[in-house]
Each structure stands twice: as structure tokens, then as C-alpha cells.
Amino acid sequence: MSCLLRDRPASTLEMLTAFGDEALLRAALSFEAMLARAQAEAGLISRVAAETITAACAELPDVDGLAEAASHAGTLAIPLVALIRERIPDPDVAKLVHKGATSQDLADTALMLQAKVGAALVVRDARRLADALAVLAERHAATPMLGRTLLQAAQPITFGLKVAGWLQGLAGALARFERETAAIQLQLGGATGSLAGLDGRAQDVTERLAALLGLPAAETPWHARREGLAGLASSLAILTGAVGKIAGDITLLAQTEVSEAFEPKVAGRGGSSAMAHKRNPTGCQVALSAAIRAPHLAATIVAALPQQHERGLGGWQAEGPVLAELFELTHGAVAAMAVVVEGLDIDTGRMVANLTAARIGADTGESVALVSRALTAYRKDR
């Protein structure tokens, strides 16, 4: 069973809901209902049969019981399709449920429907974070501070230049993620990816089903071609890493010995159960924890690429929970850091004091011009 006490601190309720049990079941039932409607529109089954199947897919089944049945059967599709058929009194109509489809079609398409919702949440809040960074970079384009290399005092820069670097890293990672969302497609291939069982009308059914579900139709079934999911997973990990870079820098700036920037003060957040004076960077903690976990999750999906024959064993079955966790972690990191950056508490006096103490002069080079260039590029692409 899901554990909110463990999962909620690392993610958002929106994303946990998007990949929760109810969302998965609604997506799976939607696949079966819209498959019947698409087949009726293509003249493959009657409209009355499609309406009957759609009605049988309307009510969510008991999650606990279905989970046990899926565990026993080895796939969600087997007990779910059986349940839908049991709800249909006419045996001739009941046998039309899941016509021409296979278990992986249901699993992959349901996952893609969830990923579509998840991707929209990630993009929304990543853009929110990027916009906050752009405002911060412009505001502090000329604010001098100590630049640090190898964690030591180096040469002067401006805080705006540092933030512009954060913005460019995030914007680049977000653009990559948006490109990789092209992998979020309908999957319909049948038992071996040959589209058998659809009476020669597979292309028509596929296009109609894609339109009904709001998913792009793939050129051909992708049962055993998983490079798109590997790219999507990798882009989530890269985006999380870009957010982790911001969190890491802010954490270092917030150290007592530095004290140049802090997370916003929020009642009840960032304290310590043992030390009342602490002001812990809790939002940064969420992002940094996600950045530690995400690469290994993406590696799992990349490792699953060599799937056997027309439908593999163990590989695609590993992808669903891993991709869900990646979406949850990425959104948790992005959402947490959007709040941090929007309310970042900056001590410009301390920045000047630390720079003066380093005795390296005050020449910030082309920092202001570089900030301007970065912001111009961001706004052009935005």
C-alpha cells in the first residue's frame, strides 16, 4: 500500500494523485471503454455493444481486491478485463471487451495517460521556477559577491550571474524534457505487435482510439521498443539534477559561516526538534534528495532496454513503478524550489562583506552583460 508519511515529503499531492491507484484504474478502464468506442466508430462492433462496454467501465472496482488478483494473475489486465465482462449480462457483448488488445497494451497506455498528466504538472511548475529565477537574476544583475571555485574563494561575480546560470541549466533541462514527452503515445499492438484480431481495420481503430484518449498514435506498436521511455526517464533525471544544482548552491550560501542567502521564513518549516535556533533549508533538502535518487531510477529504465523478442519478461514490468517515482520526485523537487526561489531571503550586505574579506578586488568582469544575454535568450525561447 502507498505510504503518504514516506512519499508526501518528497513529492506533491497532485503528482501522487496522478500516479495513484484510482488514477491508474481510471486510465485502464478508459482504455477499455475507448477501445470499444473506437471499434464501433470503425464498424468493427456495434454501437450498442460499445455503449454497454463503456457503461461497464464506469464504476471503479475495489482496489485491494483487484490488487490481490493482479498479483496472482501477474498483470492488472487479466482480473480487470474479467471484472468488466462480469458486469455485462450479454455473453456475446462481454467477449468483445479487450478485443484485439493485450495486457501490455492496457498497461502501457494507462501509464502513458498518467504520464501525460504528470508531464503537464512538471512543465507548469518548472516554468514557474524558471520565471522566478529570471526575476531574481534581473534584480541582482549587478549585486557583487564572491565567486567560488573548488569550494574556495576565487574572483568576484554578481549574484545575478550565479542565478542566470541556474536559469540556463533549468531551461535547458526543461526543453530536453519537453522534447522527450513525444514518447507519451498510445500503445496498441495486440498479442505480438502485429495488430491481429482487428479484421484489417487496425489503422482506423488506432487513430480513433488515439483521438478518444488524447494521446498521439505511434507509427507502429512499441511493445519491445522502449527507447522513448528511456529518454523520458533520463530527461526527468536531468531536470531533477538541474534543480538539485540550484538547491545545492543555496544550501552552501545559507551556511552559518557564509549567510548570504536563505530559504524564506515559513512558520513551522525548517526548524529542528532539538535545536530551536536552527533554520534548515528544507526545500533544498527535498530537491537534493530527489537528485540523489533520480539518476538510479532512470538507469533502471535504460537497463530495461534489451527486451526479448516481441514482448519481454521483466523489463517493461519494471518501468511503471520506476517512471511513476521519477515523476513524483521531479515534481517534488521543482515545486519545492519554486517556493524557495520566489521567497529567497538575500543578504547583499553579507555578500559584500565576504567579498571584501577575501581581498580579491571588486571587478565582476562581464557579469552584468552575461546576465542580460541569458535573460534575452530565455525570454526569446519562452
Protein backbone atom coordinates (compact mmCIF):
# COMPACT_ATOMS: atom_id res chain seq x y z
CA MET A 1 0.00 0.00 0.00
CA SER A 2 1.12 3.57 -0.61
CA CYS A 3 2.68 5.40 2.31
CA LEU A 4 1.91 9.11 2.48
CA LEU A 5 4.16 9.51 5.50
CA ARG A 6 7.09 8.48 3.31
CA ASP A 7 6.03 9.74 -0.12
CA ARG A 8 4.39 13.10 0.61
CA PRO A 9 7.54 14.84 1.97
CA ALA A 10 9.31 14.02 -1.32
CA SER A 11 6.53 14.90 -3.75
CA THR A 12 3.24 16.76 -4.17
CA LEU A 13 -0.31 15.61 -3.62
CA GLU A 14 -1.08 16.45 -7.25
CA MET A 15 1.60 14.14 -8.59
CA LEU A 16 0.93 11.39 -6.06
CA THR A 17 -2.70 11.53 -7.11
CA ALA A 18 -1.77 11.42 -10.80
CA PHE A 19 0.07 8.15 -10.22
CA GLY A 20 -2.20 6.77 -7.50
CA ASP A 21 -4.40 3.67 -7.57
CA GLU A 22 -7.56 5.50 -8.59
CA ALA A 23 -5.83 7.30 -11.46
CA LEU A 24 -4.32 4.05 -12.72
CA LEU A 25 -7.68 2.28 -12.64
CA ARG A 26 -9.45 5.17 -14.36
CA ALA A 27 -6.80 5.16 -17.08
CA ALA A 28 -7.05 1.39 -17.54
CA LEU A 29 -10.86 1.48 -17.66
CA SER A 30 -10.73 4.41 -20.06
CA PHE A 31 -8.51 2.36 -22.37
CA GLU A 32 -11.05 -0.47 -22.47
CA ALA A 33 -14.04 1.84 -22.88
CA MET A 34 -12.46 3.97 -25.60
CA LEU A 35 -11.16 0.86 -27.38
CA ALA A 36 -14.75 -0.34 -27.69
CA ARG A 37 -15.92 3.09 -28.88
CA ALA A 38 -13.11 3.28 -31.45
CA GLN A 39 -14.02 -0.16 -32.75
CA ALA A 40 -17.67 0.86 -33.02
CA GLU A 41 -16.74 4.01 -34.93
CA ALA A 42 -14.66 1.87 -37.28
CA GLY A 43 -17.61 -0.50 -37.81
CA LEU A 44 -15.89 -3.40 -36.07
CA ILE A 45 -18.51 -3.84 -33.33
CA SER A 46 -21.97 -2.38 -32.84
CA ARG A 47 -22.51 0.96 -31.14
CA VAL A 48 -24.85 -0.73 -28.67
CA ALA A 49 -22.07 -3.12 -27.70
CA ALA A 50 -19.65 -0.21 -27.29
CA GLU A 51 -22.11 1.66 -25.08
CA THR A 52 -22.63 -1.45 -22.96
CA ILE A 53 -18.88 -1.91 -22.52
CA THR A 54 -18.41 1.78 -21.73
CA ALA A 55 -21.11 1.58 -19.04
CA ALA A 56 -19.39 -1.48 -17.55
CA CYS A 57 -16.18 0.54 -17.26
CA ALA A 58 -17.76 3.46 -15.42
CA GLU A 59 -17.51 2.25 -11.83
CA LEU A 60 -14.14 1.80 -10.14
CA PRO A 61 -13.61 -1.67 -8.63
CA ASP A 62 -12.32 -2.36 -5.14
CA VAL A 63 -8.61 -1.52 -5.19
CA ASP A 64 -7.49 -4.00 -2.53
CA GLY A 65 -9.24 -6.95 -4.11
CA LEU A 66 -8.08 -6.09 -7.60
CA ALA A 67 -4.51 -5.63 -6.43
CA GLU A 68 -4.51 -9.12 -4.93
CA ALA A 69 -6.00 -10.56 -8.12
CA ALA A 70 -3.43 -8.74 -10.26
CA SER A 71 -0.63 -10.08 -8.09
CA HIS A 72 -1.95 -13.60 -8.54
CA ALA A 73 -2.51 -13.26 -12.29
CA GLY A 74 0.75 -11.46 -12.99
CA THR A 75 -0.89 -8.48 -14.66
CA LEU A 76 -3.68 -5.99 -13.95
CA ALA A 77 -5.37 -6.63 -17.30
CA ILE A 78 -6.45 -10.21 -16.57
CA PRO A 79 -8.62 -9.57 -13.50
CA LEU A 80 -9.76 -6.14 -14.72
CA VAL A 81 -11.00 -7.45 -18.07
CA ALA A 82 -12.68 -10.36 -16.29
CA LEU A 83 -14.41 -7.92 -13.94
CA ILE A 84 -15.68 -5.77 -16.83
CA ARG A 85 -17.03 -8.86 -18.59
CA GLU A 86 -18.80 -9.98 -15.41
CA ARG A 87 -20.67 -6.66 -15.40
CA ILE A 88 -22.13 -7.35 -18.87
CA PRO A 89 -25.15 -9.71 -18.93
CA ASP A 90 -24.92 -10.48 -22.65
CA PRO A 91 -22.10 -13.02 -23.20
CA ASP A 92 -21.77 -12.07 -26.86
CA VAL A 93 -21.05 -8.46 -25.88
CA ALA A 94 -18.87 -9.46 -22.93
CA LYS A 95 -16.46 -11.33 -25.18
CA LEU A 96 -15.91 -8.12 -27.19
CA VAL A 97 -14.20 -6.45 -24.23
CA HIS A 98 -10.45 -6.07 -24.88
CA LYS A 99 -10.92 -7.20 -28.50
CA GLY A 100 -7.63 -7.16 -30.40
CA ALA A 101 -5.67 -5.89 -27.39
CA THR A 102 -3.23 -7.48 -24.99
CA SER A 103 -2.24 -6.96 -21.36
CA GLN A 104 0.70 -4.77 -22.26
CA ASP A 105 -1.47 -2.52 -24.40
CA LEU A 106 -3.57 -1.76 -21.34
CA ALA A 107 -0.55 -1.37 -19.03
CA ASP A 108 1.44 0.86 -21.37
CA THR A 109 -1.46 3.07 -22.39
CA ALA A 110 -2.65 3.52 -18.80
CA LEU A 111 0.90 4.51 -17.83
CA MET A 112 1.06 6.97 -20.71
CA LEU A 113 -2.24 8.56 -19.67
CA GLN A 114 -0.79 9.07 -16.21
CA ALA A 115 2.48 10.35 -17.66
CA LYS A 116 0.58 12.91 -19.75
CA VAL A 117 -0.95 14.37 -16.58
CA GLY A 118 2.39 14.18 -14.78
CA ALA A 119 4.26 15.90 -17.61
CA ALA A 120 1.85 18.82 -17.56
CA LEU A 121 2.44 19.28 -13.82
CA VAL A 122 6.22 19.15 -14.24
CA VAL A 123 6.20 21.69 -17.08
CA ARG A 124 3.86 24.04 -15.24
CA ASP A 125 5.97 24.26 -12.11
CA ALA A 126 9.33 24.14 -13.87
CA ARG A 127 8.24 27.22 -15.83
CA ARG A 128 7.14 28.82 -12.58
CA LEU A 129 10.59 28.18 -11.12
CA ALA A 130 12.30 29.45 -14.27
CA ASP A 131 10.26 32.65 -14.24
CA ALA A 132 11.18 33.23 -10.59
CA LEU A 133 14.85 32.75 -11.45
CA ALA A 134 14.60 35.24 -14.30
CA VAL A 135 13.15 37.86 -11.97
CA LEU A 136 15.87 37.17 -9.39
CA ALA A 137 18.68 37.32 -11.97
CA GLU A 138 17.48 40.64 -13.34
CA ARG A 139 17.05 42.13 -9.88
CA HIS A 140 20.59 41.20 -8.84
CA ALA A 141 22.37 41.53 -12.16
CA ALA A 142 24.87 43.96 -10.62
CA THR A 143 24.91 42.72 -6.99
CA PRO A 144 28.56 41.87 -6.26
CA MET A 145 29.51 38.70 -4.44
CA LEU A 146 32.36 36.29 -4.05
CA GLY A 147 32.71 33.71 -6.80
CA ARG A 148 33.87 30.32 -5.56
CA THR A 149 35.68 27.53 -7.37
CA LEU A 150 36.59 24.18 -5.83
CA LEU A 151 34.63 25.49 -2.80
CA GLN A 152 37.23 28.21 -2.22
CA ALA A 153 37.27 31.99 -2.77
CA ALA A 154 38.03 32.73 -6.43
CA GLN A 155 37.13 36.02 -8.16
CA PRO A 156 34.22 38.48 -7.89
CA ILE A 157 30.99 37.81 -9.78
CA THR A 158 27.47 39.13 -9.35
CA PHE A 159 24.67 37.21 -7.71
CA GLY A 160 22.67 37.77 -10.87
CA LEU A 161 25.27 35.84 -12.86
CA LYS A 162 25.02 32.90 -10.48
CA VAL A 163 21.22 32.90 -10.77
CA ALA A 164 21.41 33.25 -14.56
CA GLY A 165 23.48 30.07 -14.57
CA TRP A 166 20.78 28.32 -12.56
CA LEU A 167 18.18 29.57 -15.04
CA GLN A 168 20.09 28.39 -18.09
CA GLY A 169 20.61 24.94 -16.60
CA LEU A 170 16.95 24.61 -15.71
CA ALA A 171 15.69 25.97 -19.04
CA GLY A 172 17.92 23.59 -20.99
CA ALA A 173 16.81 20.60 -18.94
CA LEU A 174 13.16 21.57 -19.29
CA ALA A 175 13.47 21.92 -23.06
CA ARG A 176 15.01 18.45 -23.18
CA PHE A 177 12.16 17.04 -21.10
CA GLU A 178 9.52 18.64 -23.31
CA ARG A 179 11.15 17.08 -26.37
CA GLU A 180 11.20 13.66 -24.72
CA THR A 181 7.49 13.81 -23.88
CA ALA A 182 6.99 12.80 -27.52
CA ALA A 183 7.37 9.28 -26.10
CA ILE A 184 3.99 9.62 -24.38
CA GLN A 185 1.97 7.74 -27.02
CA LEU A 186 -0.85 5.27 -27.37
CA GLN A 187 0.19 1.62 -27.36
CA LEU A 188 -1.99 -0.82 -29.28
CA GLY A 189 -0.41 -3.85 -30.87
CA GLY A 190 -2.22 -6.98 -29.80
CA ALA A 191 -0.56 -10.17 -28.66
CA THR A 192 2.64 -9.89 -30.71
CA GLY A 193 2.51 -6.35 -32.05
CA SER A 194 1.02 -7.44 -35.38
CA LEU A 195 -2.42 -5.86 -34.75
CA ALA A 196 -4.12 -9.19 -35.38
CA GLY A 197 -7.75 -9.57 -34.37
CA LEU A 198 -8.97 -6.22 -35.70
CA ASP A 199 -10.24 -7.54 -39.03
CA GLY A 200 -7.92 -5.43 -41.14
CA ARG A 201 -9.15 -2.16 -39.60
CA ALA A 202 -6.32 -1.73 -37.13
CA GLN A 203 -5.08 1.60 -38.50
CA ASP A 204 -8.55 3.12 -38.33
CA VAL A 205 -9.11 1.78 -34.80
CA THR A 206 -5.71 3.01 -33.67
CA GLU A 207 -6.24 6.54 -34.96
CA ARG A 208 -9.73 6.75 -33.48
CA LEU A 209 -8.56 5.37 -30.12
CA ALA A 210 -5.67 7.83 -30.02
CA ALA A 211 -8.06 10.72 -30.61
CA LEU A 212 -10.51 9.50 -27.97
CA LEU A 213 -7.76 9.14 -25.35
CA GLY A 214 -5.94 12.33 -26.30
CA LEU A 215 -2.67 10.52 -26.96
CA PRO A 216 -0.61 10.59 -30.17
CA ALA A 217 -0.74 7.40 -32.20
CA ALA A 218 2.62 5.67 -32.65
CA GLU A 219 3.74 4.79 -36.17
CA THR A 220 3.86 1.13 -35.17
CA PRO A 221 3.30 -0.75 -31.88
CA TRP A 222 6.17 -0.28 -29.45
CA HIS A 223 5.84 -3.34 -27.20
CA ALA A 224 9.54 -4.12 -27.38
CA ARG A 225 10.89 -0.69 -28.37
CA ARG A 226 11.42 1.20 -25.15
CA GLU A 227 13.98 3.84 -26.14
CA GLY A 228 11.31 6.54 -25.90
CA LEU A 229 10.61 5.72 -22.26
CA ALA A 230 14.34 5.57 -21.55
CA GLY A 231 14.71 9.07 -22.99
CA LEU A 232 11.75 10.34 -20.98
CA ALA A 233 13.12 8.85 -17.77
CA SER A 234 16.59 10.25 -18.43
CA SER A 235 15.20 13.72 -19.09
CA LEU A 236 13.35 13.63 -15.77
CA ALA A 237 16.58 12.74 -14.01
CA ILE A 238 18.45 15.53 -15.83
CA LEU A 239 15.76 18.05 -14.92
CA THR A 240 15.93 16.93 -11.28
CA GLY A 241 19.69 17.32 -11.37
CA ALA A 242 19.39 20.87 -12.70
CA VAL A 243 17.04 21.71 -9.84
CA GLY A 244 19.42 19.98 -7.44
CA LYS A 245 22.23 22.28 -8.61
CA ILE A 246 20.17 25.30 -7.51
CA ALA A 247 19.37 23.66 -4.19
CA GLY A 248 23.00 22.76 -3.58
CA ASP A 249 24.23 26.30 -4.16
CA ILE A 250 21.56 27.85 -1.96
CA THR A 251 22.37 25.38 0.78
CA LEU A 252 26.02 26.41 0.69
CA LEU A 253 25.11 30.09 0.68
CA ALA A 254 22.91 29.50 3.73
CA GLN A 255 25.67 28.00 5.86
CA THR A 256 26.23 29.94 9.07
CA GLU A 257 29.77 30.84 8.05
CA VAL A 258 28.52 32.27 4.73
CA SER A 259 24.98 33.56 5.47
CA GLU A 260 24.36 35.13 2.07
CA ALA A 261 21.02 33.60 1.11
CA PHE A 262 18.32 31.72 2.97
CA GLU A 263 15.06 29.95 2.28
CA PRO A 264 12.03 32.08 3.11
CA LYS A 265 10.84 32.04 6.70
CA VAL A 266 7.68 29.97 7.00
CA ALA A 267 6.10 29.18 10.35
CA GLY A 268 6.73 25.59 11.37
CA ARG A 269 9.13 24.86 8.48
CA GLY A 270 12.87 24.32 8.62
CA GLY A 271 13.16 24.03 12.36
CA SER A 272 14.82 21.39 14.47
CA SER A 273 13.27 19.07 17.03
CA ALA A 274 16.32 19.55 19.27
CA MET A 275 17.77 22.97 18.39
CA ALA A 276 15.34 25.87 18.33
CA HIS A 277 17.83 28.26 16.71
CA LYS A 278 18.16 26.21 13.50
CA ARG A 279 16.91 27.46 10.12
CA ASN A 280 17.26 24.39 7.97
CA PRO A 281 16.96 24.55 4.15
CA THR A 282 14.03 22.15 3.93
CA GLY A 283 13.04 22.91 0.34
CA CYS A 284 16.62 22.38 -0.79
CA GLN A 285 16.61 19.11 1.12
CA VAL A 286 13.67 17.86 -0.97
CA ALA A 287 15.44 18.74 -4.22
CA LEU A 288 18.80 17.33 -3.21
CA SER A 289 17.26 14.05 -2.03
CA ALA A 290 15.43 13.77 -5.34
CA ALA A 291 18.65 14.47 -7.25
CA ILE A 292 20.33 11.59 -5.44
CA ARG A 293 17.54 9.12 -6.21
CA ALA A 294 16.55 10.11 -9.75
CA PRO A 295 19.67 9.00 -11.72
CA HIS A 296 19.44 5.45 -10.42
CA LEU A 297 15.77 5.23 -11.28
CA ALA A 298 16.47 6.43 -14.82
CA ALA A 299 19.28 3.90 -15.06
CA THR A 300 16.77 1.15 -14.26
CA ILE A 301 14.68 2.05 -17.30
CA VAL A 302 17.76 2.36 -19.51
CA ALA A 303 18.86 -1.07 -18.25
CA ALA A 304 15.49 -2.49 -19.32
CA LEU A 305 16.02 -1.55 -22.99
CA PRO A 306 17.17 -5.00 -24.22
CA GLN A 307 13.70 -6.58 -24.06
CA GLN A 308 13.29 -10.04 -25.53
CA HIS A 309 11.53 -10.75 -28.81
CA GLU A 310 8.09 -9.18 -29.38
CA ARG A 311 7.28 -8.73 -25.69
CA GLY A 312 9.82 -9.15 -22.95
CA LEU A 313 9.79 -10.62 -19.47
CA GLY A 314 10.66 -8.43 -16.50
CA GLY A 315 11.76 -5.34 -18.43
CA TRP A 316 8.60 -3.43 -19.23
CA GLN A 317 7.04 -4.67 -16.00
CA ALA A 318 9.75 -2.76 -14.11
CA GLU A 319 9.06 0.53 -15.87
CA GLY A 320 5.70 1.57 -14.44
CA PRO A 321 6.60 1.99 -10.77
CA VAL A 322 10.01 3.42 -11.63
CA LEU A 323 8.66 6.04 -14.04
CA ALA A 324 5.96 6.96 -11.53
CA GLU A 325 8.58 7.51 -8.84
CA LEU A 326 10.66 9.64 -11.21
CA PHE A 327 7.70 11.89 -11.95
CA GLU A 328 6.93 12.16 -8.24
CA LEU A 329 10.49 13.08 -7.29
CA THR A 330 10.96 15.56 -10.14
CA HIS A 331 7.75 17.39 -9.38
CA GLY A 332 8.51 17.38 -5.67
CA ALA A 333 11.89 18.98 -6.33
CA VAL A 334 10.60 21.56 -8.81
CA ALA A 335 7.63 22.58 -6.68
CA ALA A 336 9.74 22.89 -3.53
CA MET A 337 12.38 25.04 -5.22
CA ALA A 338 9.81 27.30 -6.86
CA VAL A 339 8.68 28.30 -3.37
CA VAL A 340 12.28 28.72 -2.22
CA VAL A 341 13.35 30.94 -5.12
CA GLU A 342 10.21 33.06 -5.08
CA GLY A 343 10.83 33.94 -1.44
CA LEU A 344 14.62 33.71 -1.27
CA ASP A 345 16.00 35.86 1.54
CA ILE A 346 19.20 37.51 0.27
CA ASP A 347 21.68 39.40 2.44
CA THR A 348 23.53 41.64 -0.03
CA GLY A 349 25.46 43.27 2.80
CA ARG A 350 26.86 39.90 3.80
CA MET A 351 27.79 39.20 0.18
CA VAL A 352 29.79 42.44 0.07
CA ALA A 353 31.41 41.71 3.44
CA ASN A 354 32.51 38.23 2.38
CA LEU A 355 33.86 39.61 -0.89
CA THR A 356 35.78 42.34 0.92
CA ALA A 357 37.22 39.85 3.41
CA ALA A 358 38.58 37.71 0.58
CA ARG A 359 40.74 40.64 -0.62
CA ILE A 360 40.43 39.82 -4.30
CA GLY A 361 39.18 43.19 -5.56
CA ALA A 362 35.78 44.14 -6.93
CA ASP A 363 36.00 43.53 -10.69
CA THR A 364 32.97 41.43 -11.62
CA GLY A 365 34.05 41.27 -15.26
CA GLU A 366 31.24 40.96 -17.80
CA SER A 367 28.74 39.62 -15.26
CA VAL A 368 26.03 42.20 -15.98
CA ALA A 369 26.27 41.72 -19.74
CA LEU A 370 26.18 37.94 -19.36
CA VAL A 371 23.04 38.17 -17.25
CA SER A 372 21.41 40.32 -19.91
CA ARG A 373 22.35 37.84 -22.61
CA ALA A 374 20.98 34.89 -20.62
CA LEU A 375 17.71 36.66 -19.91
CA THR A 376 17.27 37.68 -23.53
CA ALA A 377 17.74 34.07 -24.65
CA TYR A 378 15.32 32.79 -22.01
CA ARG A 379 12.60 35.26 -22.91
CA LYS A 380 13.04 34.54 -26.61
CA ASP A 381 12.57 30.80 -26.07
CA ARG A 382 9.78 31.32 -23.53
